[in-house]
PDB file of N, CA and C in Angstrom:
ATOM      1  N   UNK A   1       1.172 -15.613  -7.379  1.00  0.00           N
ATOM      2  CA  UNK A   1       1.254 -14.214  -6.996  1.00  0.00           C
ATOM      3  C   UNK A   1       1.064 -14.126  -5.486  1.00  0.00           C
ATOM      4  N   UNK A   2       1.737 -13.167  -4.895  1.00  0.00           N
ATOM      5  CA  UNK A   2       1.678 -12.974  -3.451  1.00  0.00           C
ATOM      6  C   UNK A   2       1.343 -11.518  -3.152  1.00  0.00           C
ATOM      7  N   UNK A   3       0.871 -11.271  -1.949  1.00  0.00           N
ATOM      8  CA  UNK A   3       0.486  -9.910  -1.580  1.00  0.00           C
ATOM      9  C   UNK A   3       0.944  -9.569  -0.171  1.00  0.00           C
ATOM     10  N   UNK A   4       1.090  -8.277   0.056  1.00  0.00           N
ATOM     11  CA  UNK A   4       1.274  -7.761   1.412  1.00  0.00           C
ATOM     12  C   UNK A   4       0.087  -6.837   1.641  1.00  0.00           C
ATOM     13  N   UNK A   5      -0.562  -7.000   2.777  1.00  0.00           N
ATOM     14  CA  UNK A   5      -1.721  -6.187   3.137  1.00  0.00           C
ATOM     15  C   UNK A   5      -1.336  -5.318   4.330  1.00  0.00           C
ATOM     16  N   UNK A   6      -1.582  -4.034   4.200  1.00  0.00           N
ATOM     17  CA  UNK A   6      -1.348  -3.095   5.295  1.00  0.00           C
ATOM     18  C   UNK A   6      -2.684  -2.456   5.647  1.00  0.00           C
ATOM     19  N   UNK A   7      -3.117  -2.649   6.888  1.00  0.00           N
ATOM     20  CA  UNK A   7      -4.335  -2.013   7.393  1.00  0.00           C
ATOM     21  C   UNK A   7      -3.918  -0.790   8.188  1.00  0.00           C
ATOM     22  N   UNK A   8      -4.560   0.339   7.911  1.00  0.00           N
ATOM     23  CA  UNK A   8      -4.134   1.575   8.552  1.00  0.00           C
ATOM     24  C   UNK A   8      -5.314   2.484   8.822  1.00  0.00           C
ATOM     25  N   UNK A   9      -5.050   3.473   9.653  1.00  0.00           N
ATOM     26  CA  UNK A   9      -6.043   4.509   9.924  1.00  0.00           C
ATOM     27  C   UNK A   9      -5.330   5.851   9.911  1.00  0.00           C
ATOM     28  N   UNK A  10      -5.661   6.655   8.919  1.00  0.00           N
ATOM     29  CA  UNK A  10      -5.056   7.970   8.738  1.00  0.00           C
ATOM     30  C   UNK A  10      -5.690   8.951   9.718  1.00  0.00           C
ATOM     31  N   UNK A  11      -4.866   9.796  10.304  1.00  0.00           N
ATOM     32  CA  UNK A  11      -5.364  10.864  11.176  1.00  0.00           C
ATOM     33  C   UNK A  11      -5.876  11.986  10.274  1.00  0.00           C
ATOM     34  N   UNK A  12      -7.177  11.999  10.026  1.00  0.00           N
ATOM     35  CA  UNK A  12      -7.760  12.947   9.069  1.00  0.00           C
ATOM     36  C   UNK A  12      -7.750  14.394   9.572  1.00  0.00           C
ATOM     37  N   UNK A  13      -7.355  14.618  10.820  1.00  0.00           N
ATOM     38  CA  UNK A  13      -7.159  15.994  11.286  1.00  0.00           C
ATOM     39  C   UNK A  13      -5.820  16.534  10.792  1.00  0.00           C
ATOM     40  N   UNK A  14      -4.875  15.635  10.505  1.00  0.00           N
ATOM     41  CA  UNK A  14      -3.555  16.038  10.014  1.00  0.00           C
ATOM     42  C   UNK A  14      -3.477  16.069   8.495  1.00  0.00           C
ATOM     43  N   UNK A  15      -4.184  15.122   7.842  1.00  0.00           N
ATOM     44  CA  UNK A  15      -4.119  15.039   6.385  1.00  0.00           C
ATOM     45  C   UNK A  15      -5.435  14.473   5.856  1.00  0.00           C
ATOM     46  N   UNK A  16      -5.928  15.072   4.808  1.00  0.00           N
ATOM     47  CA  UNK A  16      -7.136  14.603   4.133  1.00  0.00           C
ATOM     48  C   UNK A  16      -6.839  13.252   3.473  1.00  0.00           C
ATOM     49  N   UNK A  17      -7.826  12.363   3.451  1.00  0.00           N
ATOM     50  CA  UNK A  17      -7.619  11.032   2.892  1.00  0.00           C
ATOM     51  C   UNK A  17      -7.190  11.101   1.422  1.00  0.00           C
ATOM     52  N   UNK A  18      -7.774  11.993   0.643  1.00  0.00           N
ATOM     53  CA  UNK A  18      -7.374  12.139  -0.760  1.00  0.00           C
ATOM     54  C   UNK A  18      -5.904  12.563  -0.871  1.00  0.00           C
ATOM     55  N   UNK A  19      -5.468  13.449   0.025  1.00  0.00           N
ATOM     56  CA  UNK A  19      -4.069  13.879   0.026  1.00  0.00           C
ATOM     57  C   UNK A  19      -3.145  12.731   0.436  1.00  0.00           C
ATOM     58  N   UNK A  20      -3.591  11.898   1.367  1.00  0.00           N
ATOM     59  CA  UNK A  20      -2.794  10.739   1.786  1.00  0.00           C
ATOM     60  C   UNK A  20      -2.620   9.760   0.628  1.00  0.00           C
ATOM     61  N   UNK A  21      -3.686   9.530  -0.131  1.00  0.00           N
ATOM     62  CA  UNK A  21      -3.607   8.637  -1.291  1.00  0.00           C
ATOM     63  C   UNK A  21      -2.685   9.242  -2.346  1.00  0.00           C
ATOM     64  N   UNK A  22      -2.790  10.531  -2.569  1.00  0.00           N
ATOM     65  CA  UNK A  22      -1.913  11.202  -3.533  1.00  0.00           C
ATOM     66  C   UNK A  22      -0.454  11.080  -3.106  1.00  0.00           C
ATOM     67  N   UNK A  23      -0.177  11.211  -1.819  1.00  0.00           N
ATOM     68  CA  UNK A  23       1.181  11.058  -1.293  1.00  0.00           C
ATOM     69  C   UNK A  23       1.697   9.643  -1.547  1.00  0.00           C
ATOM     70  N   UNK A  24       0.856   8.640  -1.335  1.00  0.00           N
ATOM     71  CA  UNK A  24       1.233   7.252  -1.616  1.00  0.00           C
ATOM     72  C   UNK A  24       1.534   7.089  -3.105  1.00  0.00           C
ATOM     73  N   UNK A  25       0.635   7.586  -3.945  1.00  0.00           N
ATOM     74  CA  UNK A  25       0.783   7.438  -5.395  1.00  0.00           C
ATOM     75  C   UNK A  25       2.035   8.137  -5.912  1.00  0.00           C
ATOM     76  N   UNK A  26       2.330   9.321  -5.385  1.00  0.00           N
ATOM     77  CA  UNK A  26       3.440  10.124  -5.900  1.00  0.00           C
ATOM     78  C   UNK A  26       4.781   9.793  -5.262  1.00  0.00           C
ATOM     79  N   UNK A  27       4.778   9.308  -4.025  1.00  0.00           N
ATOM     80  CA  UNK A  27       6.022   9.082  -3.307  1.00  0.00           C
ATOM     81  C   UNK A  27       6.395   7.609  -3.173  1.00  0.00           C
ATOM     82  N   UNK A  28       5.426   6.777  -2.861  1.00  0.00           N
ATOM     83  CA  UNK A  28       5.714   5.371  -2.573  1.00  0.00           C
ATOM     84  C   UNK A  28       5.682   4.514  -3.836  1.00  0.00           C
ATOM     85  N   UNK A  29       4.677   4.698  -4.679  1.00  0.00           N
ATOM     86  CA  UNK A  29       4.525   3.837  -5.862  1.00  0.00           C
ATOM     87  C   UNK A  29       5.745   3.876  -6.779  1.00  0.00           C
ATOM     88  N   UNK A  30       6.330   5.044  -7.079  1.00  0.00           N
ATOM     89  CA  UNK A  30       7.523   5.017  -7.934  1.00  0.00           C
ATOM     90  C   UNK A  30       8.658   4.170  -7.340  1.00  0.00           C
ATOM     91  N   UNK A  31       8.814   4.200  -6.038  1.00  0.00           N
ATOM     92  CA  UNK A  31       9.846   3.381  -5.386  1.00  0.00           C
ATOM     93  C   UNK A  31       9.475   1.904  -5.441  1.00  0.00           C
ATOM     94  N   UNK A  32       8.196   1.585  -5.276  1.00  0.00           N
ATOM     95  CA  UNK A  32       7.761   0.191  -5.383  1.00  0.00           C
ATOM     96  C   UNK A  32       8.071  -0.371  -6.766  1.00  0.00           C
ATOM     97  N   UNK A  33       7.860   0.423  -7.783  1.00  0.00           N
ATOM     98  CA  UNK A  33       8.090  -0.022  -9.160  1.00  0.00           C
ATOM     99  C   UNK A  33       9.541  -0.420  -9.421  1.00  0.00           C
ATOM    100  N   UNK A  34      10.452   0.052  -8.598  1.00  0.00           N
ATOM    101  CA  UNK A  34      11.864  -0.281  -8.757  1.00  0.00           C
ATOM    102  C   UNK A  34      12.217  -1.634  -8.147  1.00  0.00           C
ATOM    103  N   UNK A  35      11.315  -2.226  -7.381  1.00  0.00           N
ATOM    104  CA  UNK A  35      11.577  -3.523  -6.746  1.00  0.00           C
ATOM    105  C   UNK A  35      11.241  -4.656  -7.712  1.00  0.00           C
ATOM    106  N   UNK A  36      12.171  -5.601  -7.830  1.00  0.00           N
ATOM    107  CA  UNK A  36      11.931  -6.775  -8.668  1.00  0.00           C
ATOM    108  C   UNK A  36      10.698  -7.521  -8.182  1.00  0.00           C
ATOM    109  N   UNK A  37       9.844  -7.892  -9.096  1.00  0.00           N
ATOM    110  CA  UNK A  37       8.668  -8.684  -8.760  1.00  0.00           C
ATOM    111  C   UNK A  37       7.431  -7.893  -8.398  1.00  0.00           C
ATOM    112  N   UNK A  38       7.532  -6.562  -8.348  1.00  0.00           N
ATOM    113  CA  UNK A  38       6.354  -5.742  -8.033  1.00  0.00           C
ATOM    114  C   UNK A  38       5.350  -5.844  -9.172  1.00  0.00           C
ATOM    115  N   UNK A  39       4.113  -6.148  -8.845  1.00  0.00           N
ATOM    116  CA  UNK A  39       3.071  -6.352  -9.857  1.00  0.00           C
ATOM    117  C   UNK A  39       1.976  -5.289  -9.817  1.00  0.00           C
ATOM    118  N   UNK A  40       1.909  -4.493  -8.764  1.00  0.00           N
ATOM    119  CA  UNK A  40       0.874  -3.471  -8.680  1.00  0.00           C
ATOM    120  C   UNK A  40       0.360  -3.317  -7.262  1.00  0.00           C
ATOM    121  N   UNK A  41      -0.593  -2.403  -7.094  1.00  0.00           N
ATOM    122  CA  UNK A  41      -1.150  -2.164  -5.761  1.00  0.00           C
ATOM    123  C   UNK A  41      -2.591  -1.677  -5.862  1.00  0.00           C
ATOM    124  N   UNK A  42      -3.309  -1.897  -4.787  1.00  0.00           N
ATOM    125  CA  UNK A  42      -4.669  -1.390  -4.610  1.00  0.00           C
ATOM    126  C   UNK A  42      -4.691  -0.618  -3.301  1.00  0.00           C
ATOM    127  N   UNK A  43      -5.389   0.508  -3.292  1.00  0.00           N
ATOM    128  CA  UNK A  43      -5.570   1.287  -2.073  1.00  0.00           C
ATOM    129  C   UNK A  43      -7.072   1.448  -1.873  1.00  0.00           C
ATOM    130  N   UNK A  44      -7.565   0.965  -0.743  1.00  0.00           N
ATOM    131  CA  UNK A  44      -8.981   1.061  -0.401  1.00  0.00           C
ATOM    132  C   UNK A  44      -9.116   2.002   0.787  1.00  0.00           C
ATOM    133  N   UNK A  45     -10.106   2.916   0.743  1.00  0.00           N
ATOM    134  CA  UNK A  45     -10.248   3.916   1.805  1.00  0.00           C
ATOM    135  C   UNK A  45     -11.702   4.110   2.211  1.00  0.00           C
ATOM    136  N   UNK A  46     -11.871   4.683   3.389  1.00  0.00           N
ATOM    137  CA  UNK A  46     -13.175   5.152   3.845  1.00  0.00           C
ATOM    138  C   UNK A  46     -13.046   6.645   4.139  1.00  0.00           C
ATOM    139  N   UNK A  47     -14.154   7.376   4.124  1.00  0.00           N
ATOM    140  CA  UNK A  47     -14.095   8.808   4.449  1.00  0.00           C
ATOM    141  C   UNK A  47     -13.606   9.068   5.875  1.00  0.00           C
ATOM    142  N   UNK A  48     -13.761   8.083   6.765  1.00  0.00           N
ATOM    143  CA  UNK A  48     -13.356   8.245   8.162  1.00  0.00           C
ATOM    144  C   UNK A  48     -11.856   8.063   8.372  1.00  0.00           C
ATOM    145  N   UNK A  49     -11.127   7.664   7.321  1.00  0.00           N
ATOM    146  CA  UNK A  49      -9.682   7.546   7.430  1.00  0.00           C
ATOM    147  C   UNK A  49      -9.156   6.126   7.487  1.00  0.00           C
ATOM    148  N   UNK A  50     -10.035   5.127   7.473  1.00  0.00           N
ATOM    149  CA  UNK A  50      -9.560   3.749   7.467  1.00  0.00           C
ATOM    150  C   UNK A  50      -9.107   3.406   6.050  1.00  0.00           C
ATOM    151  N   UNK A  51      -8.070   2.571   5.973  1.00  0.00           N
ATOM    152  CA  UNK A  51      -7.568   2.199   4.667  1.00  0.00           C
ATOM    153  C   UNK A  51      -6.892   0.845   4.663  1.00  0.00           C
ATOM    154  N   UNK A  52      -6.756   0.316   3.466  1.00  0.00           N
ATOM    155  CA  UNK A  52      -6.032  -0.926   3.253  1.00  0.00           C
ATOM    156  C   UNK A  52      -5.211  -0.760   1.989  1.00  0.00           C
ATOM    157  N   UNK A  53      -3.929  -1.073   2.095  1.00  0.00           N
ATOM    158  CA  UNK A  53      -3.050  -1.067   0.933  1.00  0.00           C
ATOM    159  C   UNK A  53      -2.689  -2.518   0.644  1.00  0.00           C
ATOM    160  N   UNK A  54      -2.931  -2.931  -0.573  1.00  0.00           N
ATOM    161  CA  UNK A  54      -2.611  -4.283  -1.012  1.00  0.00           C
ATOM    162  C   UNK A  54      -1.579  -4.164  -2.119  1.00  0.00           C
ATOM    163  N   UNK A  55      -0.361  -4.656  -1.864  1.00  0.00           N
ATOM    164  CA  UNK A  55       0.646  -4.680  -2.915  1.00  0.00           C
ATOM    165  C   UNK A  55       0.766  -6.107  -3.419  1.00  0.00           C
ATOM    166  N   UNK A  56       0.972  -6.248  -4.724  1.00  0.00           N
ATOM    167  CA  UNK A  56       1.027  -7.549  -5.366  1.00  0.00           C
ATOM    168  C   UNK A  56       2.436  -7.822  -5.867  1.00  0.00           C
ATOM    169  N   UNK A  57       2.883  -9.077  -5.670  1.00  0.00           N
ATOM    170  CA  UNK A  57       4.255  -9.471  -5.976  1.00  0.00           C
ATOM    171  C   UNK A  57       4.256 -10.768  -6.762  1.00  0.00           C
ATOM    172  N   UNK A  58       5.175 -10.895  -7.703  1.00  0.00           N
ATOM    173  CA  UNK A  58       5.253 -12.067  -8.570  1.00  0.00           C
ATOM    174  C   UNK A  58       5.581 -13.340  -7.791  1.00  0.00           C
ATOM    175  N   UNK A  59       6.419 -13.230  -6.773  1.00  0.00           N
ATOM    176  CA  UNK A  59       6.839 -14.404  -6.009  1.00  0.00           C
ATOM    177  C   UNK A  59       6.818 -14.095  -4.518  1.00  0.00           C
ATOM    178  N   UNK A  60       6.812 -15.151  -3.738  1.00  0.00           N
ATOM    179  CA  UNK A  60       6.886 -15.002  -2.280  1.00  0.00           C
ATOM    180  C   UNK A  60       8.207 -14.338  -1.884  1.00  0.00           C
ATOM    181  N   UNK A  61       9.265 -14.661  -2.600  1.00  0.00           N
ATOM    182  CA  UNK A  61      10.576 -14.078  -2.317  1.00  0.00           C
ATOM    183  C   UNK A  61      10.586 -12.574  -2.577  1.00  0.00           C
ATOM    184  N   UNK A  62       9.935 -12.147  -3.653  1.00  0.00           N
ATOM    185  CA  UNK A  62       9.866 -10.716  -3.962  1.00  0.00           C
ATOM    186  C   UNK A  62       9.083  -9.972  -2.888  1.00  0.00           C
ATOM    187  N   UNK A  63       7.993 -10.568  -2.427  1.00  0.00           N
ATOM    188  CA  UNK A  63       7.202  -9.947  -1.362  1.00  0.00           C
ATOM    189  C   UNK A  63       8.020  -9.842  -0.081  1.00  0.00           C
ATOM    190  N   UNK A  64       8.734 -10.900   0.249  1.00  0.00           N
ATOM    191  CA  UNK A  64       9.553 -10.899   1.468  1.00  0.00           C
ATOM    192  C   UNK A  64      10.698  -9.896   1.357  1.00  0.00           C
ATOM    193  N   UNK A  65      11.311  -9.815   0.186  1.00  0.00           N
ATOM    194  CA  UNK A  65      12.439  -8.908  -0.012  1.00  0.00           C
ATOM    195  C   UNK A  65      12.027  -7.442   0.115  1.00  0.00           C
ATOM    196  N   UNK A  66      10.776  -7.147  -0.137  1.00  0.00           N
ATOM    197  CA  UNK A  66      10.311  -5.761  -0.068  1.00  0.00           C
ATOM    198  C   UNK A  66       9.870  -5.358   1.340  1.00  0.00           C
ATOM    199  N   UNK A  67       9.906  -6.280   2.279  1.00  0.00           N
ATOM    200  CA  UNK A  67       9.398  -6.004   3.633  1.00  0.00           C
ATOM    201  C   UNK A  67      10.160  -4.881   4.324  1.00  0.00           C
ATOM    202  N   UNK A  68      11.475  -4.837   4.175  1.00  0.00           N
ATOM    203  CA  UNK A  68      12.264  -3.774   4.811  1.00  0.00           C
ATOM    204  C   UNK A  68      11.892  -2.415   4.235  1.00  0.00           C
ATOM    205  N   UNK A  69      11.681  -2.357   2.919  1.00  0.00           N
ATOM    206  CA  UNK A  69      11.245  -1.111   2.291  1.00  0.00           C
ATOM    207  C   UNK A  69       9.906  -0.672   2.865  1.00  0.00           C
ATOM    208  N   UNK A  70       8.959  -1.614   2.964  1.00  0.00           N
ATOM    209  CA  UNK A  70       7.619  -1.302   3.479  1.00  0.00           C
ATOM    210  C   UNK A  70       7.693  -0.772   4.907  1.00  0.00           C
ATOM    211  N   UNK A  71       8.508  -1.407   5.732  1.00  0.00           N
ATOM    212  CA  UNK A  71       8.649  -0.959   7.125  1.00  0.00           C
ATOM    213  C   UNK A  71       9.213   0.458   7.170  1.00  0.00           C
ATOM    214  N   UNK A  72      10.163   0.762   6.303  1.00  0.00           N
ATOM    215  CA  UNK A  72      10.738   2.102   6.250  1.00  0.00           C
ATOM    216  C   UNK A  72       9.739   3.146   5.807  1.00  0.00           C
ATOM    217  N   UNK A  73       8.884   2.786   4.848  1.00  0.00           N
ATOM    218  CA  UNK A  73       7.861   3.721   4.384  1.00  0.00           C
ATOM    219  C   UNK A  73       6.822   3.987   5.464  1.00  0.00           C
ATOM    220  N   UNK A  74       6.423   2.950   6.178  1.00  0.00           N
ATOM    221  CA  UNK A  74       5.468   3.131   7.282  1.00  0.00           C
ATOM    222  C   UNK A  74       6.082   4.057   8.327  1.00  0.00           C
ATOM    223  N   UNK A  75       7.346   3.838   8.660  1.00  0.00           N
ATOM    224  CA  UNK A  75       8.033   4.683   9.642  1.00  0.00           C
ATOM    225  C   UNK A  75       8.106   6.130   9.159  1.00  0.00           C
ATOM    226  N   UNK A  76       8.371   6.316   7.881  1.00  0.00           N
ATOM    227  CA  UNK A  76       8.505   7.667   7.313  1.00  0.00           C
ATOM    228  C   UNK A  76       7.214   8.471   7.432  1.00  0.00           C
ATOM    229  N   UNK A  77       6.075   7.793   7.346  1.00  0.00           N
ATOM    230  CA  UNK A  77       4.779   8.478   7.385  1.00  0.00           C
ATOM    231  C   UNK A  77       4.011   8.242   8.688  1.00  0.00           C
ATOM    232  N   UNK A  78       4.683   7.752   9.721  1.00  0.00           N
ATOM    233  CA  UNK A  78       4.029   7.380  10.977  1.00  0.00           C
ATOM    234  C   UNK A  78       3.202   8.522  11.573  1.00  0.00           C
ATOM    235  N   UNK A  79       3.634   9.761  11.412  1.00  0.00           N
ATOM    236  CA  UNK A  79       2.895  10.880  12.010  1.00  0.00           C
ATOM    237  C   UNK A  79       1.528  11.093  11.366  1.00  0.00           C
ATOM    238  N   UNK A  80       1.272  10.444  10.235  1.00  0.00           N
ATOM    239  CA  UNK A  80      -0.024  10.596   9.568  1.00  0.00           C
ATOM    240  C   UNK A  80      -1.057   9.575  10.039  1.00  0.00           C
ATOM    241  N   UNK A  81      -0.629   8.589  10.835  1.00  0.00           N
ATOM    242  CA  UNK A  81      -1.519   7.507  11.270  1.00  0.00           C
ATOM    243  C   UNK A  81      -2.019   7.738  12.690  1.00  0.00           C
ATOM    244  N   UNK A  82      -3.214   7.239  12.971  1.00  0.00           N
ATOM    245  CA  UNK A  82      -3.755   7.289  14.331  1.00  0.00           C
ATOM    246  C   UNK A  82      -3.088   6.253  15.227  1.00  0.00           C
ATOM    247  N   UNK A  83      -2.664   5.140  14.624  1.00  0.00           N
ATOM    248  CA  UNK A  83      -1.997   4.048  15.349  1.00  0.00           C
ATOM    249  C   UNK A  83      -1.084   3.343  14.348  1.00  0.00           C
ATOM    250  N   UNK A  84      -0.105   2.586  14.820  1.00  0.00           N
ATOM    251  CA  UNK A  84       0.759   1.862  13.888  1.00  0.00           C
ATOM    252  C   UNK A  84      -0.053   0.908  13.004  1.00  0.00           C
ATOM    253  N   UNK A  85       0.202   0.916  11.706  1.00  0.00           N
ATOM    254  CA  UNK A  85      -0.508   0.018  10.802  1.00  0.00           C
ATOM    255  C   UNK A  85      -0.185  -1.446  11.075  1.00  0.00           C
ATOM    256  N   UNK A  86      -1.129  -2.301  10.740  1.00  0.00           N
ATOM    257  CA  UNK A  86      -0.911  -3.739  10.836  1.00  0.00           C
ATOM    258  C   UNK A  86      -0.565  -4.284   9.461  1.00  0.00           C
ATOM    259  N   UNK A  87       0.300  -5.300   9.419  1.00  0.00           N
ATOM    260  CA  UNK A  87       0.724  -5.866   8.135  1.00  0.00           C
ATOM    261  C   UNK A  87       0.649  -7.381   8.175  1.00  0.00           C
ATOM    262  N   UNK A  88       0.356  -7.956   7.006  1.00  0.00           N
ATOM    263  CA  UNK A  88       0.332  -9.406   6.866  1.00  0.00           C
ATOM    264  C   UNK A  88       0.614  -9.753   5.416  1.00  0.00           C
ATOM    265  N   UNK A  89       0.901 -11.036   5.166  1.00  0.00           N
ATOM    266  CA  UNK A  89       1.211 -11.519   3.824  1.00  0.00           C
ATOM    267  C   UNK A  89       0.262 -12.642   3.460  1.00  0.00           C
ATOM    268  N   UNK A  90      -0.119 -12.690   2.184  1.00  0.00           N
ATOM    269  CA  UNK A  90      -1.038 -13.717   1.702  1.00  0.00           C
ATOM    270  C   UNK A  90      -0.612 -14.189   0.319  1.00  0.00           C
ATOM    271  N   UNK A  91      -0.937 -15.434   0.012  1.00  0.00           N
ATOM    272  CA  UNK A  91      -0.840 -15.895  -1.361  1.00  0.00           C
ATOM    273  C   UNK A  91      -2.154 -15.529  -2.036  1.00  0.00           C
ATOM    274  N   UNK A  92      -2.082 -15.006  -3.245  1.00  0.00           N
ATOM    275  CA  UNK A  92      -3.290 -14.654  -3.983  1.00  0.00           C
ATOM    276  C   UNK A  92      -3.831 -15.941  -4.603  1.00  0.00           C
ATOM    277  N   UNK A  93      -4.951 -16.413  -4.098  1.00  0.00           N
ATOM    278  CA  UNK A  93      -5.548 -17.658  -4.565  1.00  0.00           C
ATOM    279  C   UNK A  93      -6.448 -17.440  -5.778  1.00  0.00           C
ATOM    280  N   UNK A  94      -6.999 -16.240  -5.921  1.00  0.00           N
ATOM    281  CA  UNK A  94      -7.867 -15.907  -7.053  1.00  0.00           C
ATOM    282  C   UNK A  94      -7.914 -14.397  -7.184  1.00  0.00           C
ATOM    283  N   UNK A  95      -7.912 -13.906  -8.412  1.00  0.00           N
ATOM    284  CA  UNK A  95      -8.055 -12.472  -8.649  1.00  0.00           C
ATOM    285  C   UNK A  95      -8.788 -12.242  -9.957  1.00  0.00           C
ATOM    286  N   UNK A  96      -9.703 -11.314  -9.939  1.00  0.00           N
ATOM    287  CA  UNK A  96     -10.343 -10.822 -11.148  1.00  0.00           C
ATOM    288  C   UNK A  96     -10.393  -9.305 -11.005  1.00  0.00           C
ATOM    289  N   UNK A  97      -9.538  -8.631 -11.748  1.00  0.00           N
ATOM    290  CA  UNK A  97      -9.395  -7.197 -11.619  1.00  0.00           C
ATOM    291  C   UNK A  97      -9.680  -6.532 -12.962  1.00  0.00           C
ATOM    292  N   UNK A  98     -10.199  -5.308 -12.936  1.00  0.00           N
ATOM    293  CA  UNK A  98     -10.413  -4.593 -14.200  1.00  0.00           C
ATOM    294  C   UNK A  98      -9.073  -4.250 -14.839  1.00  0.00           C
ATOM    295  N   UNK A  99      -9.081  -4.032 -16.125  1.00  0.00           N
ATOM    296  CA  UNK A  99      -7.838  -3.718 -16.833  1.00  0.00           C
ATOM    297  C   UNK A  99      -7.594  -2.220 -16.925  1.00  0.00           C
ATOM    298  N   UNK A 100      -8.289  -1.427 -16.136  1.00  0.00           N
ATOM    299  CA  UNK A 100      -8.104   0.025 -16.144  1.00  0.00           C
ATOM    300  C   UNK A 100      -7.475   0.487 -14.845  1.00  0.00           C
ATOM    301  N   UNK A 101      -6.767   1.596 -14.884  1.00  0.00           N
ATOM    302  CA  UNK A 101      -6.180   2.181 -13.678  1.00  0.00           C
ATOM    303  C   UNK A 101      -7.143   3.228 -13.133  1.00  0.00           C
ATOM    304  N   UNK A 102      -7.338   3.217 -11.843  1.00  0.00           N
ATOM    305  CA  UNK A 102      -8.194   4.182 -11.164  1.00  0.00           C
ATOM    306  C   UNK A 102      -7.301   5.147 -10.405  1.00  0.00           C
ATOM    307  N   UNK A 103      -7.631   6.434 -10.453  1.00  0.00           N
ATOM    308  CA  UNK A 103      -6.906   7.410  -9.654  1.00  0.00           C
ATOM    309  C   UNK A 103      -5.583   7.836 -10.246  1.00  0.00           C
ATOM    310  N   UNK A 104      -5.330   7.568 -11.501  1.00  0.00           N
ATOM    311  CA  UNK A 104      -4.076   8.016 -12.113  1.00  0.00           C
ATOM    312  C   UNK A 104      -4.091   9.525 -12.239  1.00  0.00           C
ATOM    313  N   UNK A 105      -2.966  10.109 -11.965  1.00  0.00           N
ATOM    314  CA  UNK A 105      -2.858  11.573 -12.068  1.00  0.00           C
ATOM    315  C   UNK A 105      -2.556  11.992 -13.474  1.00  0.00           C
TER     316      UNK A 105
END
């Protein structure tokens, strides 16, 4: 399994962090689900607007193939960030995750 990590800082004067997460869940996640190899995502936040989005991919190729989509999504929401987000890719060496979904609408 492979991952893409996006570190970001939301401009909380423009959008509340809960609203930003809802926008990701309602707008970005459905599009991610259409990409071959998409395995899921985690969104971590702080009240101050810092966040990390971790998307999980079945293969390195699937993660790489989704990079153009990710760049387009970051560009689409650029006005919500304090600075351009940073991105990196990792191989998932170990994972232990709960079997429940958090934040489902």
